[in-house]
């Protein structure tokens, strides 16, 4: 999977694969309705959501955002673990923004 920010990109490994003939490049998902295709597509959506969540958190914290930073956060290599209170504060700020 590729992460692109401002024209710069990085590849991340999601530890999943699909035969080329079962891949829809235009939609960036697996073709078909079988269980494997459905599970893979759900996993891809989960990964995309996680990366978007990381992006939003970094943006809210006013940090520089680039593909390498997103990749490191996704893999848990950010070296700065947030306390439960910090995570709660970020969540509450997001809730306030949603309901404004």
PDB file of N, CA and C in Angstrom:
ATOM      1  N   UNK A   1       0.857  -1.165   0.000  1.00  0.00           N
ATOM      2  CA  UNK A   1       0.000   0.000   0.000  1.00  0.00           C
ATOM      3  C   UNK A   1       0.901   1.225   0.000  1.00  0.00           C
ATOM      4  N   UNK A   2       0.469   2.266  -0.679  1.00  0.00           N
ATOM      5  CA  UNK A   2       1.271   3.477  -0.798  1.00  0.00           C
ATOM      6  C   UNK A   2       0.602   4.623  -0.039  1.00  0.00           C
ATOM      7  N   UNK A   3       1.420   5.357   0.725  1.00  0.00           N
ATOM      8  CA  UNK A   3       0.973   6.571   1.413  1.00  0.00           C
ATOM      9  C   UNK A   3       1.586   7.748   0.673  1.00  0.00           C
ATOM     10  N   UNK A   4       0.756   8.712   0.272  1.00  0.00           N
ATOM     11  CA  UNK A   4       1.251   9.885  -0.435  1.00  0.00           C
ATOM     12  C   UNK A   4       0.786  11.153   0.273  1.00  0.00           C
ATOM     13  N   UNK A   5       1.727  12.051   0.538  1.00  0.00           N
ATOM     14  CA  UNK A   5       1.428  13.353   1.137  1.00  0.00           C
ATOM     15  C   UNK A   5       2.220  14.392   0.361  1.00  0.00           C
ATOM     16  N   UNK A   6       1.525  15.386  -0.167  1.00  0.00           N
ATOM     17  CA  UNK A   6       2.162  16.474  -0.920  1.00  0.00           C
ATOM     18  C   UNK A   6       3.119  15.961  -2.007  1.00  0.00           C
ATOM     19  N   UNK A   7       2.717  14.929  -2.716  1.00  0.00           N
ATOM     20  CA  UNK A   7       3.516  14.410  -3.815  1.00  0.00           C
ATOM     21  C   UNK A   7       4.625  13.450  -3.425  1.00  0.00           C
ATOM     22  N   UNK A   8       4.898  13.306  -2.138  1.00  0.00           N
ATOM     23  CA  UNK A   8       5.906  12.357  -1.659  1.00  0.00           C
ATOM     24  C   UNK A   8       5.194  11.081  -1.223  1.00  0.00           C
ATOM     25  N   UNK A   9       5.798   9.945  -1.515  1.00  0.00           N
ATOM     26  CA  UNK A   9       5.123   8.698  -1.149  1.00  0.00           C
ATOM     27  C   UNK A   9       6.076   7.702  -0.500  1.00  0.00           C
ATOM     28  N   UNK A  10       5.484   6.785   0.251  1.00  0.00           N
ATOM     29  CA  UNK A  10       6.196   5.680   0.885  1.00  0.00           C
ATOM     30  C   UNK A  10       5.298   4.453   0.782  1.00  0.00           C
ATOM     31  N   UNK A  11       5.942   3.318   0.666  1.00  0.00           N
ATOM     32  CA  UNK A  11       5.225   2.049   0.636  1.00  0.00           C
ATOM     33  C   UNK A  11       5.178   1.476   2.051  1.00  0.00           C
ATOM     34  N   UNK A  12       4.027   0.901   2.388  1.00  0.00           N
ATOM     35  CA  UNK A  12       3.932   0.162   3.649  1.00  0.00           C
ATOM     36  C   UNK A  12       3.527  -1.263   3.324  1.00  0.00           C
ATOM     37  N   UNK A  13       3.977  -2.175   4.138  1.00  0.00           N
ATOM     38  CA  UNK A  13       3.653  -3.589   3.964  1.00  0.00           C
ATOM     39  C   UNK A  13       2.478  -3.913   4.874  1.00  0.00           C
ATOM     40  N   UNK A  14       1.443  -4.490   4.296  1.00  0.00           N
ATOM     41  CA  UNK A  14       0.279  -4.828   5.112  1.00  0.00           C
ATOM     42  C   UNK A  14       0.178  -6.331   5.374  1.00  0.00           C
ATOM     43  N   UNK A  15       1.167  -7.068   4.882  1.00  0.00           N
ATOM     44  CA  UNK A  15       1.262  -8.514   5.131  1.00  0.00           C
ATOM     45  C   UNK A  15       0.075  -9.290   4.562  1.00  0.00           C
ATOM     46  N   UNK A  16      -0.472  -8.797   3.482  1.00  0.00           N
ATOM     47  CA  UNK A  16      -1.555  -9.495   2.786  1.00  0.00           C
ATOM     48  C   UNK A  16      -1.237  -9.501   1.300  1.00  0.00           C
ATOM     49  N   UNK A  17      -1.761 -10.483   0.579  1.00  0.00           N
ATOM     50  CA  UNK A  17      -1.526 -10.525  -0.861  1.00  0.00           C
ATOM     51  C   UNK A  17      -2.765 -11.051  -1.571  1.00  0.00           C
ATOM     52  N   UNK A  18      -2.788 -10.794  -2.865  1.00  0.00           N
ATOM     53  CA  UNK A  18      -3.884 -11.256  -3.713  1.00  0.00           C
ATOM     54  C   UNK A  18      -3.309 -11.479  -5.106  1.00  0.00           C
ATOM     55  N   UNK A  19      -3.746 -12.524  -5.794  1.00  0.00           N
ATOM     56  CA  UNK A  19      -3.268 -12.718  -7.170  1.00  0.00           C
ATOM     57  C   UNK A  19      -3.633 -11.516  -8.046  1.00  0.00           C
ATOM     58  N   UNK A  20      -2.760 -11.179  -8.968  1.00  0.00           N
ATOM     59  CA  UNK A  20      -2.956 -10.009  -9.827  1.00  0.00           C
ATOM     60  C   UNK A  20      -4.297 -10.065 -10.542  1.00  0.00           C
ATOM     61  N   UNK A  21      -4.704 -11.237 -10.987  1.00  0.00           N
ATOM     62  CA  UNK A  21      -5.965 -11.346 -11.731  1.00  0.00           C
ATOM     63  C   UNK A  21      -7.188 -11.045 -10.852  1.00  0.00           C
ATOM     64  N   UNK A  22      -7.012 -11.048  -9.535  1.00  0.00           N
ATOM     65  CA  UNK A  22      -8.122 -10.747  -8.620  1.00  0.00           C
ATOM     66  C   UNK A  22      -8.042  -9.337  -8.044  1.00  0.00           C
ATOM     67  N   UNK A  23      -7.162  -8.500  -8.601  1.00  0.00           N
ATOM     68  CA  UNK A  23      -6.971  -7.144  -8.090  1.00  0.00           C
ATOM     69  C   UNK A  23      -7.554  -6.119  -9.052  1.00  0.00           C
ATOM     70  N   UNK A  24      -8.335  -5.178  -8.524  1.00  0.00           N
ATOM     71  CA  UNK A  24      -8.891  -4.079  -9.319  1.00  0.00           C
ATOM     72  C   UNK A  24      -8.036  -2.850  -9.040  1.00  0.00           C
ATOM     73  N   UNK A  25      -7.143  -2.519  -9.959  1.00  0.00           N
ATOM     74  CA  UNK A  25      -6.214  -1.412  -9.756  1.00  0.00           C
ATOM     75  C   UNK A  25      -6.944  -0.077  -9.653  1.00  0.00           C
ATOM     76  N   UNK A  26      -7.969   0.122 -10.461  1.00  0.00           N
ATOM     77  CA  UNK A  26      -8.692   1.398 -10.462  1.00  0.00           C
ATOM     78  C   UNK A  26      -9.367   1.657  -9.117  1.00  0.00           C
ATOM     79  N   UNK A  27      -9.935   0.626  -8.522  1.00  0.00           N
ATOM     80  CA  UNK A  27     -10.634   0.781  -7.235  1.00  0.00           C
ATOM     81  C   UNK A  27      -9.737   0.478  -6.041  1.00  0.00           C
ATOM     82  N   UNK A  28      -8.539  -0.008  -6.322  1.00  0.00           N
ATOM     83  CA  UNK A  28      -7.568  -0.380  -5.290  1.00  0.00           C
ATOM     84  C   UNK A  28      -8.166  -1.346  -4.267  1.00  0.00           C
ATOM     85  N   UNK A  29      -8.781  -2.392  -4.794  1.00  0.00           N
ATOM     86  CA  UNK A  29      -9.363  -3.411  -3.926  1.00  0.00           C
ATOM     87  C   UNK A  29      -9.399  -4.746  -4.661  1.00  0.00           C
ATOM     88  N   UNK A  30      -9.720  -5.774  -3.919  1.00  0.00           N
ATOM     89  CA  UNK A  30      -9.813  -7.108  -4.486  1.00  0.00           C
ATOM     90  C   UNK A  30     -11.145  -7.265  -5.210  1.00  0.00           C
ATOM     91  N   UNK A  31     -11.099  -7.959  -6.346  1.00  0.00           N
ATOM     92  CA  UNK A  31     -12.325  -8.244  -7.088  1.00  0.00           C
ATOM     93  C   UNK A  31     -13.036  -9.418  -6.431  1.00  0.00           C
ATOM     94  N   UNK A  32     -14.318  -9.486  -6.628  1.00  0.00           N
ATOM     95  CA  UNK A  32     -15.062 -10.654  -6.177  1.00  0.00           C
ATOM     96  C   UNK A  32     -15.839 -10.406  -4.909  1.00  0.00           C
ATOM     97  N   UNK A  33     -16.705 -11.355  -4.625  1.00  0.00           N
ATOM     98  CA  UNK A  33     -17.580 -11.281  -3.449  1.00  0.00           C
ATOM     99  C   UNK A  33     -17.339 -12.438  -2.486  1.00  0.00           C
ATOM    100  N   UNK A  34     -16.317 -13.246  -2.765  1.00  0.00           N
ATOM    101  CA  UNK A  34     -16.056 -14.380  -1.884  1.00  0.00           C
ATOM    102  C   UNK A  34     -15.502 -13.905  -0.543  1.00  0.00           C
ATOM    103  N   UNK A  35     -15.386 -14.802   0.382  1.00  0.00           N
ATOM    104  CA  UNK A  35     -14.963 -14.472   1.744  1.00  0.00           C
ATOM    105  C   UNK A  35     -13.568 -13.837   1.775  1.00  0.00           C
ATOM    106  N   UNK A  36     -12.621 -14.388   1.028  1.00  0.00           N
ATOM    107  CA  UNK A  36     -11.258 -13.852   1.036  1.00  0.00           C
ATOM    108  C   UNK A  36     -11.213 -12.422   0.505  1.00  0.00           C
ATOM    109  N   UNK A  37     -11.924 -12.170  -0.594  1.00  0.00           N
ATOM    110  CA  UNK A  37     -11.944 -10.823  -1.176  1.00  0.00           C
ATOM    111  C   UNK A  37     -12.606  -9.839  -0.209  1.00  0.00           C
ATOM    112  N   UNK A  38     -13.692 -10.254   0.395  1.00  0.00           N
ATOM    113  CA  UNK A  38     -14.408  -9.386   1.333  1.00  0.00           C
ATOM    114  C   UNK A  38     -13.547  -9.065   2.548  1.00  0.00           C
ATOM    115  N   UNK A  39     -12.875 -10.071   3.092  1.00  0.00           N
ATOM    116  CA  UNK A  39     -12.005  -9.846   4.252  1.00  0.00           C
ATOM    117  C   UNK A  39     -10.832  -8.934   3.907  1.00  0.00           C
ATOM    118  N   UNK A  40     -10.223  -9.147   2.751  1.00  0.00           N
ATOM    119  CA  UNK A  40      -9.106  -8.306   2.338  1.00  0.00           C
ATOM    120  C   UNK A  40      -9.554  -6.861   2.170  1.00  0.00           C
ATOM    121  N   UNK A  41     -10.675  -6.654   1.515  1.00  0.00           N
ATOM    122  CA  UNK A  41     -11.175  -5.294   1.304  1.00  0.00           C
ATOM    123  C   UNK A  41     -11.524  -4.616   2.627  1.00  0.00           C
ATOM    124  N   UNK A  42     -12.084  -5.372   3.558  1.00  0.00           N
ATOM    125  CA  UNK A  42     -12.383  -4.806   4.885  1.00  0.00           C
ATOM    126  C   UNK A  42     -11.084  -4.431   5.597  1.00  0.00           C
ATOM    127  N   UNK A  43     -10.066  -5.278   5.481  1.00  0.00           N
ATOM    128  CA  UNK A  43      -8.779  -4.986   6.107  1.00  0.00           C
ATOM    129  C   UNK A  43      -8.150  -3.740   5.493  1.00  0.00           C
ATOM    130  N   UNK A  44      -8.215  -3.618   4.166  1.00  0.00           N
ATOM    131  CA  UNK A  44      -7.681  -2.439   3.493  1.00  0.00           C
ATOM    132  C   UNK A  44      -8.365  -1.167   3.984  1.00  0.00           C
ATOM    133  N   UNK A  45      -9.669  -1.217   4.162  1.00  0.00           N
ATOM    134  CA  UNK A  45     -10.404  -0.055   4.672  1.00  0.00           C
ATOM    135  C   UNK A  45      -9.985   0.274   6.100  1.00  0.00           C
ATOM    136  N   UNK A  46      -9.739  -0.763   6.900  1.00  0.00           N
ATOM    137  CA  UNK A  46      -9.277  -0.551   8.279  1.00  0.00           C
ATOM    138  C   UNK A  46      -7.923   0.139   8.290  1.00  0.00           C
ATOM    139  N   UNK A  47      -7.021  -0.313   7.432  1.00  0.00           N
ATOM    140  CA  UNK A  47      -5.683   0.285   7.350  1.00  0.00           C
ATOM    141  C   UNK A  47      -5.789   1.744   6.900  1.00  0.00           C
ATOM    142  N   UNK A  48      -6.595   2.003   5.876  1.00  0.00           N
ATOM    143  CA  UNK A  48      -6.776   3.380   5.388  1.00  0.00           C
ATOM    144  C   UNK A  48      -7.339   4.277   6.489  1.00  0.00           C
ATOM    145  N   UNK A  49      -8.309   3.750   7.245  1.00  0.00           N
ATOM    146  CA  UNK A  49      -8.900   4.529   8.343  1.00  0.00           C
ATOM    147  C   UNK A  49      -7.878   4.832   9.423  1.00  0.00           C
ATOM    148  N   UNK A  50      -7.042   3.851   9.743  1.00  0.00           N
ATOM    149  CA  UNK A  50      -6.008   4.035  10.760  1.00  0.00           C
ATOM    150  C   UNK A  50      -5.008   5.111  10.329  1.00  0.00           C
ATOM    151  N   UNK A  51      -4.599   5.074   9.070  1.00  0.00           N
ATOM    152  CA  UNK A  51      -3.651   6.071   8.577  1.00  0.00           C
ATOM    153  C   UNK A  51      -4.284   7.456   8.581  1.00  0.00           C
ATOM    154  N   UNK A  52      -5.555   7.544   8.207  1.00  0.00           N
ATOM    155  CA  UNK A  52      -6.257   8.827   8.247  1.00  0.00           C
ATOM    156  C   UNK A  52      -6.378   9.344   9.680  1.00  0.00           C
ATOM    157  N   UNK A  53      -6.630   8.435  10.620  1.00  0.00           N
ATOM    158  CA  UNK A  53      -6.707   8.819  12.036  1.00  0.00           C
ATOM    159  C   UNK A  53      -5.357   9.355  12.509  1.00  0.00           C
ATOM    160  N   UNK A  54      -4.281   8.693  12.143  1.00  0.00           N
ATOM    161  CA  UNK A  54      -2.936   9.154  12.508  1.00  0.00           C
ATOM    162  C   UNK A  54      -2.686  10.536  11.912  1.00  0.00           C
ATOM    163  N   UNK A  55      -3.052  10.726  10.654  1.00  0.00           N
ATOM    164  CA  UNK A  55      -2.883  12.012   9.977  1.00  0.00           C
ATOM    165  C   UNK A  55      -3.613  13.116  10.745  1.00  0.00           C
ATOM    166  N   UNK A  56      -4.856  12.840  11.118  1.00  0.00           N
ATOM    167  CA  UNK A  56      -5.652  13.842  11.840  1.00  0.00           C
ATOM    168  C   UNK A  56      -5.044  14.178  13.203  1.00  0.00           C
ATOM    169  N   UNK A  57      -4.559  13.157  13.899  1.00  0.00           N
ATOM    170  CA  UNK A  57      -3.937  13.395  15.205  1.00  0.00           C
ATOM    171  C   UNK A  57      -2.686  14.257  15.069  1.00  0.00           C
ATOM    172  N   UNK A  58      -1.857  13.947  14.087  1.00  0.00           N
ATOM    173  CA  UNK A  58      -0.645  14.734  13.871  1.00  0.00           C
ATOM    174  C   UNK A  58      -0.988  16.172  13.484  1.00  0.00           C
ATOM    175  N   UNK A  59      -2.010  16.316  12.651  1.00  0.00           N
ATOM    176  CA  UNK A  59      -2.448  17.641  12.223  1.00  0.00           C
ATOM    177  C   UNK A  59      -2.958  18.450  13.416  1.00  0.00           C
ATOM    178  N   UNK A  60      -3.724  17.787  14.279  1.00  0.00           N
ATOM    179  CA  UNK A  60      -4.262  18.457  15.469  1.00  0.00           C
ATOM    180  C   UNK A  60      -3.148  18.868  16.431  1.00  0.00           C
ATOM    181  N   UNK A  61      -2.085  18.074  16.485  1.00  0.00           N
ATOM    182  CA  UNK A  61      -0.954  18.377  17.358  1.00  0.00           C
ATOM    183  C   UNK A  61      -0.015  19.401  16.731  1.00  0.00           C
ATOM    184  N   UNK A  62      -0.285  19.788  15.493  1.00  0.00           N
ATOM    185  CA  UNK A  62       0.537  20.781  14.819  1.00  0.00           C
ATOM    186  C   UNK A  62       1.890  20.261  14.373  1.00  0.00           C
ATOM    187  N   UNK A  63       1.994  18.959  14.185  1.00  0.00           N
ATOM    188  CA  UNK A  63       3.273  18.359  13.798  1.00  0.00           C
ATOM    189  C   UNK A  63       3.394  18.326  12.282  1.00  0.00           C
ATOM    190  N   UNK A  64       4.653  18.270  11.819  1.00  0.00           N
ATOM    191  CA  UNK A  64       4.905  18.106  10.393  1.00  0.00           C
ATOM    192  C   UNK A  64       4.422  16.723   9.972  1.00  0.00           C
ATOM    193  N   UNK A  65       3.753  16.673   8.828  1.00  0.00           N
ATOM    194  CA  UNK A  65       3.209  15.413   8.347  1.00  0.00           C
ATOM    195  C   UNK A  65       3.839  15.088   7.001  1.00  0.00           C
ATOM    196  N   UNK A  66       4.425  13.908   6.937  1.00  0.00           N
ATOM    197  CA  UNK A  66       4.963  13.402   5.679  1.00  0.00           C
ATOM    198  C   UNK A  66       4.772  11.889   5.678  1.00  0.00           C
ATOM    199  N   UNK A  67       4.943  11.246   4.541  1.00  0.00           N
ATOM    200  CA  UNK A  67       4.695   9.807   4.463  1.00  0.00           C
ATOM    201  C   UNK A  67       5.533   8.976   5.434  1.00  0.00           C
ATOM    202  N   UNK A  68       6.772   9.375   5.668  1.00  0.00           N
ATOM    203  CA  UNK A  68       7.641   8.618   6.578  1.00  0.00           C
ATOM    204  C   UNK A  68       7.112   8.675   8.014  1.00  0.00           C
ATOM    205  N   UNK A  69       6.643   9.845   8.424  1.00  0.00           N
ATOM    206  CA  UNK A  69       6.079  10.002   9.769  1.00  0.00           C
ATOM    207  C   UNK A  69       4.824   9.140   9.906  1.00  0.00           C
ATOM    208  N   UNK A  70       3.951   9.179   8.897  1.00  0.00           N
ATOM    209  CA  UNK A  70       2.736   8.362   8.932  1.00  0.00           C
ATOM    210  C   UNK A  70       3.083   6.875   8.995  1.00  0.00           C
ATOM    211  N   UNK A  71       4.050   6.472   8.199  1.00  0.00           N
ATOM    212  CA  UNK A  71       4.478   5.070   8.178  1.00  0.00           C
ATOM    213  C   UNK A  71       5.003   4.648   9.550  1.00  0.00           C
ATOM    214  N   UNK A  72       5.853   5.475  10.145  1.00  0.00           N
ATOM    215  CA  UNK A  72       6.409   5.151  11.459  1.00  0.00           C
ATOM    216  C   UNK A  72       5.332   5.059  12.532  1.00  0.00           C
ATOM    217  N   UNK A  73       4.373   5.983  12.494  1.00  0.00           N
ATOM    218  CA  UNK A  73       3.279   5.922  13.455  1.00  0.00           C
ATOM    219  C   UNK A  73       2.431   4.670  13.230  1.00  0.00           C
ATOM    220  N   UNK A  74       2.179   4.331  11.973  1.00  0.00           N
ATOM    221  CA  UNK A  74       1.385   3.144  11.665  1.00  0.00           C
ATOM    222  C   UNK A  74       2.052   1.887  12.207  1.00  0.00           C
ATOM    223  N   UNK A  75       3.369   1.799  12.059  1.00  0.00           N
ATOM    224  CA  UNK A  75       4.112   0.639  12.551  1.00  0.00           C
ATOM    225  C   UNK A  75       4.420   0.716  14.048  1.00  0.00           C
ATOM    226  N   UNK A  76       4.057   1.817  14.691  1.00  0.00           N
ATOM    227  CA  UNK A  76       4.325   1.962  16.117  1.00  0.00           C
ATOM    228  C   UNK A  76       5.746   2.358  16.425  1.00  0.00           C
ATOM    229  N   UNK A  77       6.415   3.007  15.488  1.00  0.00           N
ATOM    230  CA  UNK A  77       7.811   3.401  15.670  1.00  0.00           C
ATOM    231  C   UNK A  77       7.953   4.880  16.014  1.00  0.00           C
ATOM    232  N   UNK A  78       6.888   5.498  16.471  1.00  0.00           N
ATOM    233  CA  UNK A  78       6.899   6.942  16.724  1.00  0.00           C
ATOM    234  C   UNK A  78       7.616   7.317  18.010  1.00  0.00           C
ATOM    235  N   UNK A  79       7.942   6.351  18.856  1.00  0.00           N
ATOM    236  CA  UNK A  79       8.715   6.565  20.087  1.00  0.00           C
ATOM    237  C   UNK A  79       8.028   7.428  21.128  1.00  0.00           C
ATOM    238  N   UNK A  80       6.855   7.917  20.855  1.00  0.00           N
ATOM    239  CA  UNK A  80       6.156   8.731  21.845  1.00  0.00           C
ATOM    240  C   UNK A  80       4.790   8.111  22.107  1.00  0.00           C
ATOM    241  N   UNK A  81       4.717   7.346  23.142  1.00  0.00           N
ATOM    242  CA  UNK A  81       3.455   6.723  23.510  1.00  0.00           C
ATOM    243  C   UNK A  81       2.610   7.727  24.282  1.00  0.00           C
ATOM    244  N   UNK A  82       1.370   7.820  23.930  1.00  0.00           N
ATOM    245  CA  UNK A  82       0.472   8.749  24.602  1.00  0.00           C
ATOM    246  C   UNK A  82      -0.151   8.076  25.821  1.00  0.00           C
ATOM    247  N   UNK A  83      -0.334   8.857  26.857  1.00  0.00           N
ATOM    248  CA  UNK A  83      -1.025   8.341  28.026  1.00  0.00           C
ATOM    249  C   UNK A  83      -2.514   8.269  27.706  1.00  0.00           C
ATOM    250  N   UNK A  84      -3.229   7.556  28.532  1.00  0.00           N
ATOM    251  CA  UNK A  84      -4.674   7.441  28.345  1.00  0.00           C
ATOM    252  C   UNK A  84      -5.330   8.820  28.411  1.00  0.00           C
ATOM    253  N   UNK A  85      -4.854   9.670  29.294  1.00  0.00           N
ATOM    254  CA  UNK A  85      -5.397  11.018  29.413  1.00  0.00           C
ATOM    255  C   UNK A  85      -5.157  11.816  28.140  1.00  0.00           C
ATOM    256  N   UNK A  86      -3.974  11.705  27.549  1.00  0.00           N
ATOM    257  CA  UNK A  86      -3.679  12.414  26.303  1.00  0.00           C
ATOM    258  C   UNK A  86      -4.593  11.929  25.175  1.00  0.00           C
ATOM    259  N   UNK A  87      -4.804  10.630  25.098  1.00  0.00           N
ATOM    260  CA  UNK A  87      -5.690  10.079  24.074  1.00  0.00           C
ATOM    261  C   UNK A  87      -7.124  10.550  24.290  1.00  0.00           C
ATOM    262  N   UNK A  88      -7.550  10.612  25.542  1.00  0.00           N
ATOM    263  CA  UNK A  88      -8.898  11.081  25.858  1.00  0.00           C
ATOM    264  C   UNK A  88      -9.063  12.543  25.468  1.00  0.00           C
ATOM    265  N   UNK A  89      -8.060  13.355  25.718  1.00  0.00           N
ATOM    266  CA  UNK A  89      -8.130  14.774  25.356  1.00  0.00           C
ATOM    267  C   UNK A  89      -8.228  14.946  23.840  1.00  0.00           C
ATOM    268  N   UNK A  90      -7.472  14.175  23.093  1.00  0.00           N
ATOM    269  CA  UNK A  90      -7.536  14.234  21.632  1.00  0.00           C
ATOM    270  C   UNK A  90      -8.927  13.825  21.154  1.00  0.00           C
ATOM    271  N   UNK A  91      -9.459  12.767  21.744  1.00  0.00           N
ATOM    272  CA  UNK A  91     -10.798  12.305  21.372  1.00  0.00           C
ATOM    273  C   UNK A  91     -11.844  13.373  21.671  1.00  0.00           C
ATOM    274  N   UNK A  92     -11.767  13.971  22.842  1.00  0.00           N
ATOM    275  CA  UNK A  92     -12.750  14.999  23.209  1.00  0.00           C
ATOM    276  C   UNK A  92     -12.666  16.213  22.281  1.00  0.00           C
ATOM    277  N   UNK A  93     -11.462  16.596  21.879  1.00  0.00           N
ATOM    278  CA  UNK A  93     -11.309  17.701  20.925  1.00  0.00           C
ATOM    279  C   UNK A  93     -11.964  17.355  19.596  1.00  0.00           C
ATOM    280  N   UNK A  94     -11.816  16.104  19.164  1.00  0.00           N
ATOM    281  CA  UNK A  94     -12.436  15.674  17.910  1.00  0.00           C
ATOM    282  C   UNK A  94     -13.956  15.717  18.016  1.00  0.00           C
ATOM    283  N   UNK A  95     -14.487  15.293  19.150  1.00  0.00           N
ATOM    284  CA  UNK A  95     -15.932  15.299  19.369  1.00  0.00           C
ATOM    285  C   UNK A  95     -16.456  16.728  19.327  1.00  0.00           C
ATOM    286  N   UNK A  96     -15.745  17.647  19.977  1.00  0.00           N
ATOM    287  CA  UNK A  96     -16.151  19.056  19.992  1.00  0.00           C
ATOM    288  C   UNK A  96     -16.161  19.604  18.575  1.00  0.00           C
ATOM    289  N   UNK A  97     -15.151  19.264  17.780  1.00  0.00           N
ATOM    290  CA  UNK A  97     -15.095  19.753  16.391  1.00  0.00           C
ATOM    291  C   UNK A  97     -16.250  19.211  15.563  1.00  0.00           C
ATOM    292  N   UNK A  98     -16.630  17.986  15.803  1.00  0.00           N
ATOM    293  CA  UNK A  98     -17.722  17.365  15.056  1.00  0.00           C
ATOM    294  C   UNK A  98     -19.057  18.038  15.364  1.00  0.00           C
ATOM    295  N   UNK A  99     -19.288  18.369  16.618  1.00  0.00           N
ATOM    296  CA  UNK A  99     -20.587  18.899  17.031  1.00  0.00           C
ATOM    297  C   UNK A  99     -20.657  20.403  17.078  1.00  0.00           C
ATOM    298  N   UNK A 100     -19.711  21.081  16.487  1.00  0.00           N
ATOM    299  CA  UNK A 100     -19.781  22.551  16.422  1.00  0.00           C
ATOM    300  C   UNK A 100     -20.739  22.984  15.376  1.00  0.00           C
TER     301      UNK A 100
END
